[in-house]
Structures are given as C-alpha cells and as structure tokens.
PDB file of N, CA and C in Angstrom:
ATOM      1  N   MET A   1     -15.638 -44.794   6.006  1.00  0.00           N
ATOM      2  CA  MET A   1     -16.038 -44.166   5.240  1.00  0.00           C
ATOM      3  C   MET A   1     -15.265 -43.680   4.742  1.00  0.00           C
ATOM      4  N   ASN A   2     -14.315 -42.870   3.877  1.00  0.00           N
ATOM      5  CA  ASN A   2     -13.662 -41.736   3.511  1.00  0.00           C
ATOM      6  C   ASN A   2     -14.499 -40.913   3.537  1.00  0.00           C
ATOM      7  N   ASN A   3     -13.710 -39.484   4.262  1.00  0.00           N
ATOM      8  CA  ASN A   3     -13.625 -37.808   5.145  1.00  0.00           C
ATOM      9  C   ASN A   3     -13.956 -37.315   3.644  1.00  0.00           C
ATOM     10  N   PRO A   4     -13.993 -37.008   2.689  1.00  0.00           N
ATOM     11  CA  PRO A   4     -13.440 -36.167   1.419  1.00  0.00           C
ATOM     12  C   PRO A   4     -12.855 -34.565   2.124  1.00  0.00           C
ATOM     13  N   THR A   5     -13.769 -33.887   3.378  1.00  0.00           N
ATOM     14  CA  THR A   5     -12.875 -32.858   3.415  1.00  0.00           C
ATOM     15  C   THR A   5     -11.381 -33.186   4.774  1.00  0.00           C
ATOM     16  N   GLN A   6     -10.782 -34.072   5.300  1.00  0.00           N
ATOM     17  CA  GLN A   6     -10.282 -34.818   5.662  1.00  0.00           C
ATOM     18  C   GLN A   6      -8.881 -34.313   4.845  1.00  0.00           C
ATOM     19  N   GLU A   7      -8.505 -33.628   5.221  1.00  0.00           N
ATOM     20  CA  GLU A   7      -5.998 -33.277   4.686  1.00  0.00           C
ATOM     21  C   GLU A   7      -5.930 -34.324   5.839  1.00  0.00           C
ATOM     22  N   HIS A   8      -4.940 -35.008   4.845  1.00  0.00           N
ATOM     23  CA  HIS A   8      -3.753 -36.226   4.815  1.00  0.00           C
ATOM     24  C   HIS A   8      -2.811 -35.063   4.804  1.00  0.00           C
ATOM     25  N   PRO A   9      -1.771 -35.597   5.908  1.00  0.00           N
ATOM     26  CA  PRO A   9      -0.115 -34.338   6.789  1.00  0.00           C
ATOM     27  C   PRO A   9       0.708 -34.074   4.951  1.00  0.00           C
ATOM     28  N   SER A  10       0.393 -35.596   4.285  1.00  0.00           N
ATOM     29  CA  SER A  10       1.665 -35.230   3.293  1.00  0.00           C
ATOM     30  C   SER A  10       1.152 -33.815   2.303  1.00  0.00           C
ATOM     31  N   SER A  11      -0.349 -34.050   1.514  1.00  0.00           N
ATOM     32  CA  SER A  11      -0.834 -32.883   0.916  1.00  0.00           C
ATOM     33  C   SER A  11      -0.410 -31.179   2.222  1.00  0.00           C
ATOM     34  N   LYS A  12      -0.941 -31.427   2.954  1.00  0.00           N
ATOM     35  CA  LYS A  12      -0.220 -29.910   3.479  1.00  0.00           C
ATOM     36  C   LYS A  12       1.436 -29.506   3.281  1.00  0.00           C
ATOM     37  N   GLY A  13       2.259 -30.803   3.827  1.00  0.00           N
ATOM     38  CA  GLY A  13       3.264 -29.746   3.002  1.00  0.00           C
ATOM     39  C   GLY A  13       4.110 -29.772   1.463  1.00  0.00           C
ATOM     40  N   LEU A  14       2.409 -30.278   0.582  1.00  0.00           N
ATOM     41  CA  LEU A  14       2.822 -29.605  -0.647  1.00  0.00           C
ATOM     42  C   LEU A  14       2.347 -28.926  -0.309  1.00  0.00           C
ATOM     43  N   LEU A  15       1.050 -28.217  -0.077  1.00  0.00           N
ATOM     44  CA  LEU A  15       0.718 -26.804  -0.392  1.00  0.00           C
ATOM     45  C   LEU A  15       1.782 -25.600   0.481  1.00  0.00           C
ATOM     46  N   VAL A  16       2.424 -26.007   1.545  1.00  0.00           N
ATOM     47  CA  VAL A  16       3.345 -25.041   1.824  1.00  0.00           C
ATOM     48  C   VAL A  16       4.332 -25.186   0.289  1.00  0.00           C
ATOM     49  N   ILE A  17       5.027 -26.693   0.118  1.00  0.00           N
ATOM     50  CA  ILE A  17       6.343 -26.231  -0.932  1.00  0.00           C
ATOM     51  C   ILE A  17       5.787 -25.132  -1.841  1.00  0.00           C
ATOM     52  N   PHE A  18       4.901 -26.100  -2.558  1.00  0.00           N
ATOM     53  CA  PHE A  18       3.427 -24.679  -3.826  1.00  0.00           C
ATOM     54  C   PHE A  18       3.923 -23.657  -3.489  1.00  0.00           C
ATOM     55  N   TRP A  19       3.273 -22.822  -2.372  1.00  0.00           N
ATOM     56  CA  TRP A  19       3.047 -21.392  -1.853  1.00  0.00           C
ATOM     57  C   TRP A  19       5.051 -21.261  -1.912  1.00  0.00           C
ATOM     58  N   LEU A  20       5.302 -21.521  -1.048  1.00  0.00           N
ATOM     59  CA  LEU A  20       7.407 -21.494  -1.669  1.00  0.00           C
ATOM     60  C   LEU A  20       7.849 -20.759  -2.750  1.00  0.00           C
ATOM     61  N   TYR A  21       6.780 -22.763  -3.442  1.00  0.00           N
ATOM     62  CA  TYR A  21       6.824 -21.705  -4.885  1.00  0.00           C
ATOM     63  C   TYR A  21       6.957 -20.551  -5.822  1.00  0.00           C
ATOM     64  N   VAL A  22       5.572 -20.169  -6.223  1.00  0.00           N
ATOM     65  CA  VAL A  22       4.870 -18.481  -5.987  1.00  0.00           C
ATOM     66  C   VAL A  22       5.405 -17.574  -5.257  1.00  0.00           C
ATOM     67  N   LEU A  23       5.437 -17.635  -3.955  1.00  0.00           N
ATOM     68  CA  LEU A  23       5.815 -17.465  -3.133  1.00  0.00           C
ATOM     69  C   LEU A  23       6.959 -16.073  -3.264  1.00  0.00           C
ATOM     70  N   ILE A  24       7.422 -16.775  -3.497  1.00  0.00           N
ATOM     71  CA  ILE A  24       9.912 -16.715  -3.888  1.00  0.00           C
ATOM     72  C   ILE A  24       9.813 -16.200  -5.091  1.00  0.00           C
ATOM     73  N   PRO A  25       9.115 -16.877  -6.246  1.00  0.00           N
ATOM     74  CA  PRO A  25       9.921 -15.066  -6.657  1.00  0.00           C
ATOM     75  C   PRO A  25       8.556 -13.945  -7.699  1.00  0.00           C
ATOM     76  N   LEU A  26       7.269 -14.196  -6.805  1.00  0.00           N
ATOM     77  CA  LEU A  26       7.003 -12.731  -6.754  1.00  0.00           C
ATOM     78  C   LEU A  26       7.396 -11.632  -5.688  1.00  0.00           C
ATOM     79  N   THR A  27       7.778 -12.495  -4.761  1.00  0.00           N
ATOM     80  CA  THR A  27       8.255 -11.074  -3.883  1.00  0.00           C
ATOM     81  C   THR A  27       8.775 -11.031  -4.829  1.00  0.00           C
ATOM     82  N   TRP A  28      10.632 -11.262  -5.521  1.00  0.00           N
ATOM     83  CA  TRP A  28      11.941 -10.622  -5.294  1.00  0.00           C
ATOM     84  C   TRP A  28      11.087  -9.743  -7.106  1.00  0.00           C
ATOM     85  N   GLY A  29       9.767  -9.959  -7.723  1.00  0.00           N
ATOM     86  CA  GLY A  29      10.173  -8.896  -8.308  1.00  0.00           C
ATOM     87  C   GLY A  29       9.104  -8.458  -8.155  1.00  0.00           C
ATOM     88  N   VAL A  30       8.107  -8.562  -7.443  1.00  0.00           N
ATOM     89  CA  VAL A  30       8.312  -6.850  -6.472  1.00  0.00           C
ATOM     90  C   VAL A  30       9.152  -5.661  -6.164  1.00  0.00           C
ATOM     91  N   ILE A  31       9.872  -6.689  -5.634  1.00  0.00           N
ATOM     92  CA  ILE A  31      10.855  -5.646  -4.865  1.00  0.00           C
ATOM     93  C   ILE A  31      11.911  -5.533  -5.948  1.00  0.00           C
ATOM     94  N   ASN A  32      12.226  -5.847  -6.571  1.00  0.00           N
ATOM     95  CA  ASN A  32      12.698  -5.276  -8.248  1.00  0.00           C
ATOM     96  C   ASN A  32      12.360  -4.077  -8.322  1.00  0.00           C
ATOM     97  N   THR A  33      10.792  -4.715  -9.255  1.00  0.00           N
ATOM     98  CA  THR A  33       9.797  -3.357  -9.410  1.00  0.00           C
ATOM     99  C   THR A  33       9.979  -1.984  -9.054  1.00  0.00           C
ATOM    100  N   LEU A  34       9.417  -2.435  -7.885  1.00  0.00           N
ATOM    101  CA  LEU A  34       9.717  -1.257  -7.008  1.00  0.00           C
ATOM    102  C   LEU A  34      10.646  -0.193  -7.005  1.00  0.00           C
ATOM    103  N   LEU A  35      11.851  -1.160  -6.767  1.00  0.00           N
ATOM    104  CA  LEU A  35      13.876  -0.459  -7.134  1.00  0.00           C
ATOM    105  C   LEU A  35      13.991   0.063  -8.053  1.00  0.00           C
ATOM    106  N   GLN A  36      13.401  -0.566  -9.434  1.00  0.00           N
ATOM    107  CA  GLN A  36      13.507  -0.173 -10.577  1.00  0.00           C
ATOM    108  C   GLN A  36      12.673   1.311  -9.913  1.00  0.00           C
ATOM    109  N   ALA A  37      11.349   1.397  -9.558  1.00  0.00           N
ATOM    110  CA  ALA A  37      11.076   3.033  -9.817  1.00  0.00           C
ATOM    111  C   ALA A  37      10.448   3.443  -9.145  1.00  0.00           C
ATOM    112  N   VAL A  38      11.825   2.774  -7.990  1.00  0.00           N
ATOM    113  CA  VAL A  38      12.393   4.025  -7.303  1.00  0.00           C
ATOM    114  C   VAL A  38      13.135   5.438  -8.301  1.00  0.00           C
ATOM    115  N   LYS A  39      14.536   4.117  -9.084  1.00  0.00           N
ATOM    116  CA  LYS A  39      15.906   4.244  -9.319  1.00  0.00           C
ATOM    117  C   LYS A  39      14.350   5.471 -10.918  1.00  0.00           C
ATOM    118  N   LEU A  40      13.386   5.340 -11.095  1.00  0.00           N
ATOM    119  CA  LEU A  40      13.261   6.602 -12.404  1.00  0.00           C
ATOM    120  C   LEU A  40      12.885   7.313 -12.384  1.00  0.00           C
ATOM    121  N   PHE A  41      12.366   7.713 -11.162  1.00  0.00           N
ATOM    122  CA  PHE A  41      10.603   7.801 -10.447  1.00  0.00           C
ATOM    123  C   PHE A  41      12.021   9.015  -9.054  1.00  0.00           C
ATOM    124  N   GLY A  42      12.729   8.383  -8.452  1.00  0.00           N
ATOM    125  CA  GLY A  42      13.853   9.749  -7.384  1.00  0.00           C
ATOM    126  C   GLY A  42      14.239  10.449  -8.003  1.00  0.00           C
TER     127      GLY A  42
END
C-alpha cells in the first residue's frame, strides 16, 4: 500500500531546484531595489 505522505528523493531534488529558481531572481530584485532606493534617498 502506498503512503501518500512519503516523499520520493527525486521530488526533494526538484523542490530544491524550484526554490532556487524562485529565490535567486527574487533576491537579485530585492538587492537591486534596495540599492536604487539608497541612491534615490541617500
């Protein structure tokens, strides 16, 4: 009987890749926004 809560190793790898795909551009955007704000208000 399959346990629906059991994770496969490949799904963990895909989850890590997905989060990197989301977080890298997000971090880049936040840093650029903060740098532009410092230039504007500083």
